[in-house]
């Protein structure tokens, strides 16, 4: 039972991550894979505030989201001006470079990671409390993104994504919309990082490498890029699949590369044979019916 509850905590965290990543790459059409670094910034910020300043857990998690929100500006302000493949290259460099900085900073624990994060929930119901909190936040994030994208602002985002040149010709500022989407999505990732830090009480740079980017991309593509529920389905499916593989009792040296191969293979398969994912966006469903 404890195993299933802890898995529910992880599912809640990754629903937040995949849904916020989908806001950037699926709805915004911005090609970036640096989402895990904002996840890391949220986790490290929350952990450091909890260890050194004994900040209230809620404020620490919000601070982690705020740091991720503001840090996204460092990447998006210069790189969104060029967009496209250059944004992808910049995001990779930003992620790898910042992880190297974290690995060489003493106060973050360096390459060995940041431990001794205070336990904010005591007792046998600890995992259940975190499962409820992470799933509640995940539901709130999904609903907030849905609210953002179903109103007039959502139509503006769709127009910008589908034809930026025509959108700009109408006098609209595509740059500001891109900045807003990137910052909001990154802020949600930072909040997920804060929950992660408090639950596991340990964060390490190795947890936020390129494999994490591949995992999130797979969740979005398999679930349905540009769909509200797609990333939720993708997150649940892609978290249950490795758990099933773990019962094969393979050594860690085999497990990690095998997961990477599975994620990459799934992305390739879905991009070629079912690019709309398991749950197609509403617009594509309407087009097929017509």
Protein backbone atom coordinates (compact mmCIF):
# COMPACT_ATOMS: atom_id res chain seq x y z
CA UNK A 1 0.00 0.00 0.00
CA UNK A 2 2.84 2.37 0.89
CA UNK A 3 4.37 1.68 -2.53
CA UNK A 4 1.16 2.67 -4.33
CA UNK A 5 0.78 5.84 -2.25
CA UNK A 6 4.38 6.90 -2.96
CA UNK A 7 3.72 6.24 -6.65
CA UNK A 8 0.69 8.55 -6.42
CA UNK A 9 2.99 11.31 -5.08
CA UNK A 10 5.27 10.87 -8.08
CA UNK A 11 2.33 10.82 -10.50
CA UNK A 12 1.06 14.13 -9.08
CA UNK A 13 4.49 15.72 -9.48
CA UNK A 14 4.90 14.53 -13.06
CA UNK A 15 1.40 15.58 -14.05
CA UNK A 16 2.41 19.10 -13.00
CA UNK A 17 5.65 18.82 -14.99
CA UNK A 18 4.14 17.31 -18.14
CA UNK A 19 1.14 19.68 -18.18
CA UNK A 20 3.33 22.75 -17.70
CA UNK A 21 5.76 21.47 -20.36
CA UNK A 22 2.81 20.96 -22.71
CA UNK A 23 1.82 24.60 -22.13
CA UNK A 24 5.21 25.62 -23.52
CA UNK A 25 5.83 23.11 -26.29
CA UNK A 26 2.31 21.99 -27.17
CA UNK A 27 0.15 25.09 -26.86
CA UNK A 28 2.90 27.70 -27.26
CA UNK A 29 4.81 25.87 -30.00
CA UNK A 30 8.13 26.74 -28.33
CA UNK A 31 10.87 24.17 -28.94
CA UNK A 32 12.65 23.81 -25.61
CA UNK A 33 13.73 20.81 -23.55
CA UNK A 34 15.12 22.72 -20.56
CA UNK A 35 12.06 22.08 -18.38
CA UNK A 36 13.93 19.84 -15.89
CA UNK A 37 16.31 22.67 -14.95
CA UNK A 38 13.38 24.73 -13.67
CA UNK A 39 12.22 21.63 -11.82
CA UNK A 40 15.72 21.55 -10.30
CA UNK A 41 15.73 25.25 -9.43
CA UNK A 42 12.46 24.85 -7.56
CA UNK A 43 13.75 21.82 -5.68
CA UNK A 44 17.08 23.40 -4.71
CA UNK A 45 15.51 26.72 -3.72
CA UNK A 46 12.94 25.00 -1.52
CA UNK A 47 15.54 22.73 0.04
CA UNK A 48 17.99 25.55 0.81
CA UNK A 49 15.30 27.77 2.30
CA UNK A 50 14.07 24.90 4.47
CA UNK A 51 17.55 23.93 5.68
CA UNK A 52 19.15 27.33 6.31
CA UNK A 53 16.22 29.67 7.00
CA UNK A 54 13.45 27.35 8.25
CA UNK A 55 10.96 29.00 5.91
CA UNK A 56 7.35 27.78 6.10
CA UNK A 57 6.90 24.88 3.63
CA UNK A 58 4.18 26.64 1.63
CA UNK A 59 6.27 29.80 1.27
CA UNK A 60 9.36 27.76 0.40
CA UNK A 61 7.53 25.92 -2.39
CA UNK A 62 6.11 29.20 -3.73
CA UNK A 63 9.62 30.69 -3.58
CA UNK A 64 10.90 27.75 -5.61
CA UNK A 65 8.23 28.41 -8.22
CA UNK A 66 9.10 32.13 -8.23
CA UNK A 67 12.81 31.45 -8.74
CA UNK A 68 12.01 29.14 -11.66
CA UNK A 69 9.60 31.76 -13.05
CA UNK A 70 12.25 34.52 -12.93
CA UNK A 71 15.10 32.28 -14.10
CA UNK A 72 13.13 31.35 -17.19
CA UNK A 73 13.47 34.97 -18.25
CA UNK A 74 17.25 34.50 -18.43
CA UNK A 75 16.70 31.86 -21.09
CA UNK A 76 13.62 33.18 -22.86
CA UNK A 77 14.45 36.88 -23.21
CA UNK A 78 17.49 36.40 -25.50
CA UNK A 79 16.57 33.09 -27.13
CA UNK A 80 12.90 33.72 -27.99
CA UNK A 81 14.00 36.52 -30.29
CA UNK A 82 15.52 33.89 -32.55
CA UNK A 83 13.16 31.01 -31.68
CA UNK A 84 13.01 27.74 -33.65
CA UNK A 85 16.01 25.43 -33.61
CA UNK A 86 18.12 28.11 -31.95
CA UNK A 87 15.82 28.05 -28.92
CA UNK A 88 16.30 24.29 -28.70
CA UNK A 89 20.09 24.65 -28.80
CA UNK A 90 20.02 27.46 -26.24
CA UNK A 91 17.79 25.46 -23.89
CA UNK A 92 20.14 22.46 -24.00
CA UNK A 93 23.13 24.68 -23.24
CA UNK A 94 21.25 26.44 -20.42
CA UNK A 95 20.27 23.14 -18.81
CA UNK A 96 23.68 21.48 -19.04
CA UNK A 97 25.56 24.64 -18.06
CA UNK A 98 23.43 25.37 -14.99
CA UNK A 99 23.68 21.76 -13.84
CA UNK A 100 27.47 22.00 -14.02
CA UNK A 101 27.33 25.17 -11.91
CA UNK A 102 25.17 23.40 -9.32
CA UNK A 103 27.61 20.48 -9.23
CA UNK A 104 30.47 22.82 -8.31
CA UNK A 105 28.75 24.96 -5.68
CA UNK A 106 29.43 24.06 -2.08
CA UNK A 107 26.17 25.30 -0.58
CA UNK A 108 24.11 23.15 -2.97
CA UNK A 109 25.95 20.01 -1.92
CA UNK A 110 27.92 19.82 -5.16
CA UNK A 111 27.79 16.62 -7.21
CA UNK A 112 26.81 14.58 -4.13
CA UNK A 113 23.50 16.44 -3.84
CA UNK A 114 21.60 18.38 -1.20
CA UNK A 115 20.45 16.31 1.76
CA UNK A 116 19.02 16.81 5.25
CA UNK A 117 15.96 18.65 3.96
CA UNK A 118 13.58 18.91 6.96
CA UNK A 119 10.67 16.50 7.20
CA UNK A 120 7.51 18.60 7.34
CA UNK A 121 5.06 15.73 7.84
CA UNK A 122 5.63 13.16 10.57
CA UNK A 123 3.93 9.84 11.18
CA UNK A 124 2.64 6.90 9.14
CA UNK A 125 0.33 9.09 7.06
CA UNK A 126 3.23 11.10 5.61
CA UNK A 127 3.04 9.61 2.11
CA UNK A 128 -0.75 9.91 2.05
CA UNK A 129 -0.54 13.62 2.93
CA UNK A 130 2.01 14.22 0.17
CA UNK A 131 -0.03 12.16 -2.30
CA UNK A 132 -3.09 14.30 -1.58
CA UNK A 133 -1.06 17.53 -1.80
CA UNK A 134 0.74 16.66 -5.05
CA UNK A 135 -2.44 15.41 -6.76
CA UNK A 136 -4.40 18.46 -5.56
CA UNK A 137 -1.74 20.82 -6.92
CA UNK A 138 -1.64 18.80 -10.17
CA UNK A 139 -5.41 19.14 -10.54
CA UNK A 140 -5.17 22.87 -9.85
CA UNK A 141 -2.42 23.27 -12.47
CA UNK A 142 -4.38 21.34 -15.11
CA UNK A 143 -7.51 23.42 -14.43
CA UNK A 144 -5.55 26.69 -14.46
CA UNK A 145 -3.98 25.84 -17.81
CA UNK A 146 -7.38 24.83 -19.17
CA UNK A 147 -8.91 28.11 -17.93
CA UNK A 148 -6.05 30.06 -19.50
CA UNK A 149 -6.42 28.38 -22.88
CA UNK A 150 -10.19 28.12 -23.30
CA UNK A 151 -10.94 31.86 -23.16
CA UNK A 152 -10.07 34.72 -25.52
CA UNK A 153 -6.44 34.54 -24.44
CA UNK A 154 -6.36 30.92 -25.58
CA UNK A 155 -7.44 31.90 -29.09
CA UNK A 156 -4.68 34.48 -29.16
CA UNK A 157 -2.14 31.81 -28.17
CA UNK A 158 -3.41 29.45 -30.87
CA UNK A 159 -3.20 32.17 -33.52
CA UNK A 160 0.36 33.03 -32.49
CA UNK A 161 1.43 29.37 -32.57
CA UNK A 162 -0.21 28.56 -35.92
CA UNK A 163 1.01 31.61 -37.87
CA UNK A 164 3.31 33.98 -36.01
CA UNK A 165 4.00 36.12 -39.07
CA UNK A 166 0.31 36.85 -39.71
CA UNK A 167 -0.24 37.31 -35.99
CA UNK A 168 2.50 39.97 -35.82
CA UNK A 169 1.18 41.63 -38.98
CA UNK A 170 -2.05 42.30 -37.09
CA UNK A 171 -0.10 44.37 -34.57
CA UNK A 172 -0.01 41.72 -31.84
CA UNK A 173 3.10 41.22 -29.69
CA UNK A 174 4.03 37.56 -30.08
CA UNK A 175 7.18 38.01 -27.99
CA UNK A 176 5.25 38.93 -24.84
CA UNK A 177 2.94 35.94 -25.21
CA UNK A 178 5.91 33.61 -25.60
CA UNK A 179 7.58 35.09 -22.52
CA UNK A 180 4.39 34.68 -20.49
CA UNK A 181 3.86 31.06 -21.53
CA UNK A 182 7.48 30.14 -20.89
CA UNK A 183 7.52 31.81 -17.48
CA UNK A 184 4.18 30.34 -16.32
CA UNK A 185 5.15 26.83 -17.40
CA UNK A 186 8.57 27.13 -15.74
CA UNK A 187 6.99 28.47 -12.55
CA UNK A 188 4.73 25.41 -12.33
CA UNK A 189 7.80 23.20 -12.79
CA UNK A 190 9.48 25.00 -9.88
CA UNK A 191 6.47 24.28 -7.65
CA UNK A 192 6.70 20.60 -8.60
CA UNK A 193 10.37 20.73 -7.62
CA UNK A 194 9.48 22.11 -4.20
CA UNK A 195 7.05 19.25 -3.51
CA UNK A 196 9.67 16.78 -4.73
CA UNK A 197 12.32 18.20 -2.39
CA UNK A 198 10.10 18.02 0.69
CA UNK A 199 8.92 14.50 -0.04
CA UNK A 200 12.25 12.86 -0.86
CA UNK A 201 14.33 15.19 1.42
CA UNK A 202 17.21 14.92 -1.05
CA UNK A 203 17.97 16.38 -4.47
CA UNK A 204 20.92 15.69 -6.76
CA UNK A 205 21.99 17.17 -10.12
CA UNK A 206 21.82 13.70 -11.67
CA UNK A 207 18.04 13.71 -11.20
CA UNK A 208 17.62 16.57 -13.69
CA UNK A 209 19.77 15.46 -16.63
CA UNK A 210 18.80 15.02 -20.29
CA UNK A 211 17.05 11.71 -19.50
CA UNK A 212 14.51 13.74 -17.51
CA UNK A 213 13.92 15.91 -20.59
CA UNK A 214 13.37 12.79 -22.70
CA UNK A 215 10.91 11.45 -20.15
CA UNK A 216 8.82 14.64 -20.10
CA UNK A 217 8.85 14.92 -23.88
CA UNK A 218 7.68 11.32 -24.14
CA UNK A 219 4.82 11.96 -21.69
CA UNK A 220 3.61 14.92 -23.73
CA UNK A 221 4.00 13.30 -27.17
CA UNK A 222 2.51 9.94 -26.17
CA UNK A 223 -0.35 11.51 -24.20
CA UNK A 224 -1.18 14.09 -26.84
CA UNK A 225 0.67 17.34 -27.47
CA UNK A 226 -1.67 20.34 -27.34
CA UNK A 227 -4.31 18.36 -25.45
CA UNK A 228 -5.41 19.25 -21.92
CA UNK A 229 -5.69 15.66 -20.67
CA UNK A 230 -2.98 14.16 -22.88
CA UNK A 231 -0.02 14.96 -20.58
CA UNK A 232 -1.97 13.56 -17.62
CA UNK A 233 -2.48 10.24 -19.41
CA UNK A 234 1.11 10.27 -20.65
CA UNK A 235 2.49 10.92 -17.16
CA UNK A 236 0.49 8.07 -15.61
CA UNK A 237 1.39 5.65 -18.40
CA UNK A 238 5.09 6.49 -18.50
CA UNK A 239 5.43 6.24 -14.72
CA UNK A 240 3.69 2.88 -14.53
CA UNK A 241 5.76 1.41 -17.38
CA UNK A 242 9.18 1.72 -15.63
CA UNK A 243 7.62 0.31 -12.44
CA UNK A 244 6.62 -2.77 -14.43
CA UNK A 245 10.14 -3.04 -15.85
CA UNK A 246 11.63 -2.78 -12.34
CA UNK A 247 10.07 -6.15 -11.47
CA UNK A 248 12.50 -7.73 -13.97
CA UNK A 249 15.27 -7.17 -11.37
CA UNK A 250 17.72 -5.82 -13.92
CA UNK A 251 20.93 -4.18 -12.63
CA UNK A 252 20.95 -0.34 -12.41
CA UNK A 253 23.57 -0.17 -15.16
CA UNK A 254 21.00 -1.71 -17.51
CA UNK A 255 17.82 -0.11 -16.15
CA UNK A 256 18.76 3.55 -16.79
CA UNK A 257 19.83 3.08 -20.46
CA UNK A 258 16.81 0.82 -21.05
CA UNK A 259 14.42 3.54 -19.86
CA UNK A 260 16.11 6.03 -22.18
CA UNK A 261 15.72 3.64 -25.11
CA UNK A 262 12.04 3.06 -24.28
CA UNK A 263 11.27 6.79 -24.03
CA UNK A 264 13.07 7.59 -27.29
CA UNK A 265 11.43 4.68 -29.13
CA UNK A 266 7.96 5.68 -27.97
CA UNK A 267 8.50 9.28 -29.14
CA UNK A 268 9.62 8.09 -32.60
CA UNK A 269 6.74 5.63 -32.91
CA UNK A 270 4.09 8.16 -31.95
CA UNK A 271 5.57 10.96 -34.07
CA UNK A 272 5.39 8.78 -37.19
CA UNK A 273 2.27 6.65 -36.65
CA UNK A 274 0.11 8.68 -34.27
CA UNK A 275 1.45 12.25 -34.03
CA UNK A 276 -1.72 13.43 -32.24
CA UNK A 277 -0.94 11.12 -29.31
CA UNK A 278 -3.36 8.96 -27.34
CA UNK A 279 -5.69 11.91 -26.76
CA UNK A 280 -5.92 14.20 -29.78
CA UNK A 281 -6.40 17.95 -29.25
CA UNK A 282 -10.00 19.14 -29.61
CA UNK A 283 -9.23 21.07 -32.82
CA UNK A 284 -7.84 17.97 -34.54
CA UNK A 285 -10.78 15.87 -33.43
CA UNK A 286 -13.13 18.46 -34.92
CA UNK A 287 -11.16 18.47 -38.18
CA UNK A 288 -11.39 14.67 -38.49
CA UNK A 289 -15.16 14.74 -37.90
CA UNK A 290 -15.64 17.41 -40.54
